[in-house]
Every structure is written in structure tokens, then in C-alpha cells.
Amino acid sequence: MMRRNTQVSHMRQETGVTILTKWGFTADIVDVAANAQYWNYEGTDQIDYVDVVTMAHLVYQEHRSEEGRERLTSSPVFQKIPLTDDEIQDRIDEATVMKSLLIS
């Protein structure tokens, strides 16, 4: 099953990059499709779209598991966009409300 998940993840990445490139999106947006799934993505010293999407994903994962908290605080993006525990909880609460609105 792990091999299949890896294959699907790789296909998602390649497909996202291909579609965004063909549709004429800028390189910084295409870079999100290429790198956002890598929680240890370092990029540059400047905050970019990959950092924002990665942080959102890590905050979501932090809410779902113990491992998520460790990933969040050890991720290079956390060094660029440091969040306090209260700020993390606020983002989780906002995501929970948005999810409930979308489901209803």
C-alpha cells in the first residue's frame, strides 16, 4: 500500500506541475505544485507561496496527530513563519469552522 501512495503522490505532483505550466501560471505558483508536499522544503530566505501552503498543511496535520506538531516545529518553514501556540490554535479553529461551513 505504501508504494501505491508514493506513486499517487508523485503523479499528483507531476500532474499539478504540468497543468499549471500549460495554463500559463507563473513559476512561483508552479513551484507550489512541485514542492508543497515536502514539509522540509527550504526554498530561499524569503517567504514564498510554497512556504504559505506548507505551513497551512503542517498546521492542519498538527491538529490531526502528535507527529504533526513535531513536523510543524522542526520544519524550515516554521523558522521563516514562526507561530505561537495560540496562533496555531487560532488557525486550527478557523480551519475547523471553514470545514464545517463547506460540509453543511
N, C-alpha and C. Protein backbone atom coordinates (compact mmCIF):
# COMPACT_ATOMS: atom_id res chain seq x y z
N MET A 1 0.82 -1.20 0.00
CA MET A 1 0.00 0.00 0.00
C MET A 1 0.87 1.27 0.00
N MET A 2 2.01 1.23 0.73
CA MET A 2 2.89 2.39 0.79
C MET A 2 3.40 2.76 -0.59
N ARG A 3 3.78 1.78 -1.38
CA ARG A 3 4.29 2.04 -2.73
C ARG A 3 3.23 2.72 -3.57
N ARG A 4 2.00 2.27 -3.45
CA ARG A 4 0.90 2.88 -4.21
C ARG A 4 0.69 4.33 -3.80
N ASN A 5 0.73 4.62 -2.50
CA ASN A 5 0.58 6.00 -2.03
C ASN A 5 1.69 6.89 -2.57
N THR A 6 2.91 6.36 -2.62
CA THR A 6 4.04 7.11 -3.15
C THR A 6 3.84 7.39 -4.63
N GLN A 7 3.35 6.41 -5.36
CA GLN A 7 3.10 6.59 -6.79
C GLN A 7 2.02 7.65 -7.03
N VAL A 8 0.95 7.60 -6.26
CA VAL A 8 -0.14 8.57 -6.40
C VAL A 8 0.36 9.96 -6.07
N SER A 9 1.15 10.09 -5.01
CA SER A 9 1.70 11.39 -4.63
C SER A 9 2.58 11.95 -5.74
N HIS A 10 3.42 11.11 -6.33
CA HIS A 10 4.31 11.54 -7.40
C HIS A 10 3.49 11.96 -8.63
N MET A 11 2.44 11.19 -8.95
CA MET A 11 1.58 11.54 -10.08
C MET A 11 0.87 12.87 -9.83
N ARG A 12 0.43 13.09 -8.61
CA ARG A 12 -0.25 14.34 -8.27
C ARG A 12 0.70 15.52 -8.49
N GLN A 13 1.93 15.35 -8.07
CA GLN A 13 2.93 16.41 -8.22
C GLN A 13 3.19 16.68 -9.70
N GLU A 14 3.48 15.64 -10.47
CA GLU A 14 3.75 15.81 -11.90
C GLU A 14 2.56 16.40 -12.64
N THR A 15 1.37 15.92 -12.33
CA THR A 15 0.16 16.41 -12.98
C THR A 15 -0.07 17.88 -12.65
N GLY A 16 0.08 18.24 -11.40
CA GLY A 16 -0.10 19.64 -10.99
C GLY A 16 0.87 20.56 -11.71
N VAL A 17 2.14 20.17 -11.75
CA VAL A 17 3.15 20.98 -12.43
C VAL A 17 2.82 21.12 -13.91
N THR A 18 2.47 20.01 -14.54
CA THR A 18 2.16 20.03 -15.98
C THR A 18 0.97 20.93 -16.29
N ILE A 19 -0.10 20.76 -15.54
CA ILE A 19 -1.31 21.55 -15.80
C ILE A 19 -1.06 23.04 -15.55
N LEU A 20 -0.46 23.37 -14.43
CA LEU A 20 -0.22 24.79 -14.12
C LEU A 20 0.71 25.43 -15.15
N THR A 21 1.70 24.68 -15.61
CA THR A 21 2.62 25.18 -16.63
C THR A 21 1.88 25.41 -17.95
N LYS A 22 1.10 24.43 -18.38
CA LYS A 22 0.35 24.55 -19.64
C LYS A 22 -0.67 25.68 -19.59
N TRP A 23 -1.23 25.94 -18.43
CA TRP A 23 -2.21 27.01 -18.29
C TRP A 23 -1.56 28.38 -18.13
N GLY A 24 -0.24 28.42 -18.12
CA GLY A 24 0.48 29.68 -18.11
C GLY A 24 0.66 30.33 -16.74
N PHE A 25 0.55 29.55 -15.68
CA PHE A 25 0.79 30.12 -14.36
C PHE A 25 2.27 30.47 -14.21
N THR A 26 2.55 31.42 -13.35
CA THR A 26 3.92 31.84 -13.13
C THR A 26 4.70 30.76 -12.38
N ALA A 27 6.02 30.85 -12.48
CA ALA A 27 6.89 29.84 -11.87
C ALA A 27 6.68 29.72 -10.36
N ASP A 28 6.37 30.82 -9.67
CA ASP A 28 6.19 30.74 -8.23
C ASP A 28 4.95 29.93 -7.85
N ILE A 29 3.93 29.94 -8.71
CA ILE A 29 2.74 29.12 -8.46
C ILE A 29 3.01 27.66 -8.83
N VAL A 30 3.67 27.43 -9.94
CA VAL A 30 4.03 26.07 -10.35
C VAL A 30 4.91 25.43 -9.28
N ASP A 31 5.75 26.22 -8.66
CA ASP A 31 6.62 25.73 -7.60
C ASP A 31 5.83 25.17 -6.42
N VAL A 32 4.65 25.69 -6.18
CA VAL A 32 3.79 25.16 -5.11
C VAL A 32 3.43 23.71 -5.41
N ALA A 33 3.00 23.45 -6.64
CA ALA A 33 2.64 22.08 -7.02
C ALA A 33 3.86 21.15 -6.94
N ALA A 34 5.01 21.68 -7.24
CA ALA A 34 6.23 20.86 -7.24
C ALA A 34 6.75 20.57 -5.84
N ASN A 35 6.54 21.48 -4.89
CA ASN A 35 7.25 21.36 -3.60
C ASN A 35 6.41 21.40 -2.34
N ALA A 36 5.16 21.74 -2.40
CA ALA A 36 4.38 21.94 -1.18
C ALA A 36 4.21 20.67 -0.34
N GLN A 37 4.34 19.50 -0.94
CA GLN A 37 4.18 18.27 -0.15
C GLN A 37 5.42 17.93 0.67
N TYR A 38 6.51 18.66 0.44
CA TYR A 38 7.74 18.40 1.18
C TYR A 38 7.81 19.30 2.41
N TRP A 39 7.46 18.76 3.57
CA TRP A 39 7.39 19.59 4.77
C TRP A 39 8.75 20.12 5.19
N ASN A 40 9.82 19.53 4.65
CA ASN A 40 11.16 20.02 4.97
C ASN A 40 11.73 20.91 3.86
N TYR A 41 10.88 21.41 2.97
CA TYR A 41 11.27 22.32 1.89
C TYR A 41 11.93 23.56 2.49
N GLU A 42 13.07 23.94 1.96
CA GLU A 42 13.78 25.11 2.48
C GLU A 42 13.64 26.33 1.59
N GLY A 43 13.64 26.16 0.29
CA GLY A 43 13.48 27.30 -0.59
C GLY A 43 14.55 28.37 -0.36
N THR A 44 14.10 29.61 -0.29
CA THR A 44 15.00 30.74 -0.08
C THR A 44 14.77 31.35 1.30
N ASP A 45 15.48 32.41 1.60
CA ASP A 45 15.29 33.09 2.88
C ASP A 45 13.98 33.88 2.92
N GLN A 46 13.45 34.20 1.74
CA GLN A 46 12.20 34.96 1.65
C GLN A 46 11.00 34.01 1.70
N ILE A 47 9.92 34.44 2.33
CA ILE A 47 8.70 33.65 2.38
C ILE A 47 8.10 33.64 0.97
N ASP A 48 7.74 32.44 0.50
CA ASP A 48 7.11 32.32 -0.81
C ASP A 48 5.81 31.53 -0.68
N TYR A 49 5.13 31.32 -1.82
CA TYR A 49 3.85 30.61 -1.81
C TYR A 49 3.99 29.18 -1.30
N VAL A 50 5.11 28.53 -1.62
CA VAL A 50 5.32 27.17 -1.12
C VAL A 50 5.35 27.18 0.41
N ASP A 51 6.00 28.17 0.99
CA ASP A 51 6.05 28.27 2.46
C ASP A 51 4.65 28.42 3.05
N VAL A 52 3.83 29.25 2.44
CA VAL A 52 2.48 29.50 2.95
C VAL A 52 1.64 28.23 2.87
N VAL A 53 1.68 27.55 1.74
CA VAL A 53 0.90 26.32 1.58
C VAL A 53 1.44 25.23 2.50
N THR A 54 2.74 25.12 2.61
CA THR A 54 3.34 24.12 3.50
C THR A 54 2.95 24.39 4.95
N MET A 55 3.00 25.65 5.37
CA MET A 55 2.60 25.99 6.74
C MET A 55 1.13 25.64 6.99
N ALA A 56 0.28 25.94 6.04
CA ALA A 56 -1.14 25.60 6.19
C ALA A 56 -1.32 24.09 6.34
N HIS A 57 -0.61 23.34 5.52
CA HIS A 57 -0.69 21.88 5.60
C HIS A 57 -0.17 21.37 6.95
N LEU A 58 0.94 21.91 7.40
CA LEU A 58 1.51 21.47 8.67
C LEU A 58 0.63 21.83 9.86
N VAL A 59 0.00 22.99 9.82
CA VAL A 59 -0.92 23.37 10.89
C VAL A 59 -2.10 22.40 10.91
N TYR A 60 -2.60 22.05 9.73
CA TYR A 60 -3.68 21.07 9.63
C TYR A 60 -3.23 19.72 10.19
N GLN A 61 -2.04 19.27 9.82
CA GLN A 61 -1.52 18.00 10.31
C GLN A 61 -1.30 18.03 11.82
N GLU A 62 -0.88 19.17 12.34
CA GLU A 62 -0.67 19.31 13.78
C GLU A 62 -1.96 19.03 14.52
N HIS A 63 -3.04 19.46 13.95
CA HIS A 63 -4.36 19.26 14.55
C HIS A 63 -4.75 17.78 14.54
N ARG A 64 -4.27 17.03 13.57
CA ARG A 64 -4.70 15.65 13.38
C ARG A 64 -3.84 14.62 14.09
N SER A 65 -2.60 14.96 14.46
CA SER A 65 -1.75 13.92 15.05
C SER A 65 -0.64 14.51 15.90
N GLU A 66 -0.10 13.68 16.76
CA GLU A 66 1.05 14.07 17.58
C GLU A 66 2.26 14.32 16.70
N GLU A 67 2.42 13.49 15.68
CA GLU A 67 3.54 13.64 14.75
C GLU A 67 3.48 14.99 14.04
N GLY A 68 2.28 15.50 13.81
CA GLY A 68 2.12 16.77 13.13
C GLY A 68 2.78 17.93 13.86
N ARG A 69 2.69 17.93 15.18
CA ARG A 69 3.30 19.01 15.97
C ARG A 69 4.82 19.00 15.79
N GLU A 70 5.41 17.81 15.81
CA GLU A 70 6.86 17.70 15.64
C GLU A 70 7.27 18.18 14.24
N ARG A 71 6.50 17.77 13.23
CA ARG A 71 6.79 18.22 11.87
C ARG A 71 6.72 19.73 11.76
N LEU A 72 5.70 20.31 12.37
CA LEU A 72 5.50 21.75 12.30
C LEU A 72 6.69 22.50 12.88
N THR A 73 7.05 22.16 14.08
CA THR A 73 8.10 22.92 14.76
C THR A 73 9.50 22.62 14.23
N SER A 74 9.69 21.47 13.56
CA SER A 74 11.01 21.16 13.02
C SER A 74 11.15 21.56 11.54
N SER A 75 10.08 22.00 10.95
CA SER A 75 10.11 22.36 9.53
C SER A 75 10.85 23.68 9.31
N PRO A 76 11.62 23.76 8.23
CA PRO A 76 12.30 25.03 7.91
C PRO A 76 11.32 26.20 7.74
N VAL A 77 10.11 25.91 7.26
CA VAL A 77 9.13 26.98 7.07
C VAL A 77 8.73 27.60 8.42
N PHE A 78 8.76 26.80 9.47
CA PHE A 78 8.42 27.32 10.80
C PHE A 78 9.44 28.36 11.25
N GLN A 79 10.67 28.22 10.79
CA GLN A 79 11.70 29.20 11.13
C GLN A 79 11.45 30.52 10.41
N LYS A 80 10.85 30.45 9.23
CA LYS A 80 10.53 31.67 8.47
C LYS A 80 9.23 32.31 8.94
N ILE A 81 8.26 31.47 9.31
CA ILE A 81 6.94 31.95 9.72
C ILE A 81 6.65 31.39 11.11
N PRO A 82 7.33 31.89 12.13
CA PRO A 82 7.12 31.34 13.47
C PRO A 82 5.73 31.69 14.01
N LEU A 83 5.05 30.70 14.53
CA LEU A 83 3.73 30.90 15.12
C LEU A 83 3.77 30.50 16.59
N THR A 84 3.08 31.26 17.41
CA THR A 84 2.95 30.87 18.81
C THR A 84 1.90 29.77 18.91
N ASP A 85 1.85 29.11 20.06
CA ASP A 85 0.83 28.07 20.26
C ASP A 85 -0.57 28.64 20.09
N ASP A 86 -0.80 29.86 20.58
CA ASP A 86 -2.12 30.48 20.43
C ASP A 86 -2.45 30.75 18.97
N GLU A 87 -1.46 31.21 18.21
CA GLU A 87 -1.69 31.46 16.78
C GLU A 87 -1.97 30.17 16.03
N ILE A 88 -1.27 29.11 16.38
CA ILE A 88 -1.54 27.81 15.76
C ILE A 88 -2.96 27.37 16.07
N GLN A 89 -3.35 27.48 17.33
CA GLN A 89 -4.70 27.08 17.72
C GLN A 89 -5.75 27.93 17.01
N ASP A 90 -5.50 29.23 16.86
CA ASP A 90 -6.42 30.10 16.13
C ASP A 90 -6.60 29.62 14.69
N ARG A 91 -5.50 29.26 14.02
CA ARG A 91 -5.57 28.78 12.63
C ARG A 91 -6.36 27.47 12.56
N ILE A 92 -6.15 26.59 13.55
CA ILE A 92 -6.88 25.32 13.58
C ILE A 92 -8.37 25.59 13.77
N ASP A 93 -8.71 26.49 14.69
CA ASP A 93 -10.11 26.83 14.93
C ASP A 93 -10.76 27.40 13.67
N GLU A 94 -10.05 28.28 12.98
CA GLU A 94 -10.58 28.87 11.74
C GLU A 94 -10.80 27.79 10.69
N ALA A 95 -9.86 26.87 10.56
CA ALA A 95 -9.98 25.80 9.59
C ALA A 95 -11.16 24.89 9.92
N THR A 96 -11.37 24.64 11.19
CA THR A 96 -12.48 23.81 11.62
C THR A 96 -13.82 24.46 11.26
N VAL A 97 -13.94 25.76 11.49
CA VAL A 97 -15.16 26.49 11.16
C VAL A 97 -15.37 26.47 9.64
N MET A 98 -14.32 26.74 8.88
CA MET A 98 -14.44 26.75 7.41
C MET A 98 -14.85 25.37 6.90
N LYS A 99 -14.29 24.33 7.47
CA LYS A 99 -14.64 22.96 7.06
C LYS A 99 -16.11 22.69 7.33
N SER A 100 -16.59 23.08 8.51
CA SER A 100 -17.98 22.83 8.84
C SER A 100 -18.93 23.62 7.92
N LEU A 101 -18.53 24.81 7.51
CA LEU A 101 -19.34 25.60 6.59
C LEU A 101 -19.39 24.95 5.21
N LEU A 102 -18.27 24.39 4.78
CA LEU A 102 -18.22 23.74 3.47
C LEU A 102 -19.02 22.45 3.44
N ILE A 103 -19.03 21.74 4.55
CA ILE A 103 -19.72 20.46 4.61
C ILE A 103 -21.23 20.65 4.71
N SER A 104 -21.66 21.70 5.40
CA SER A 104 -23.11 21.89 5.60
C SER A 104 -23.80 22.46 4.40
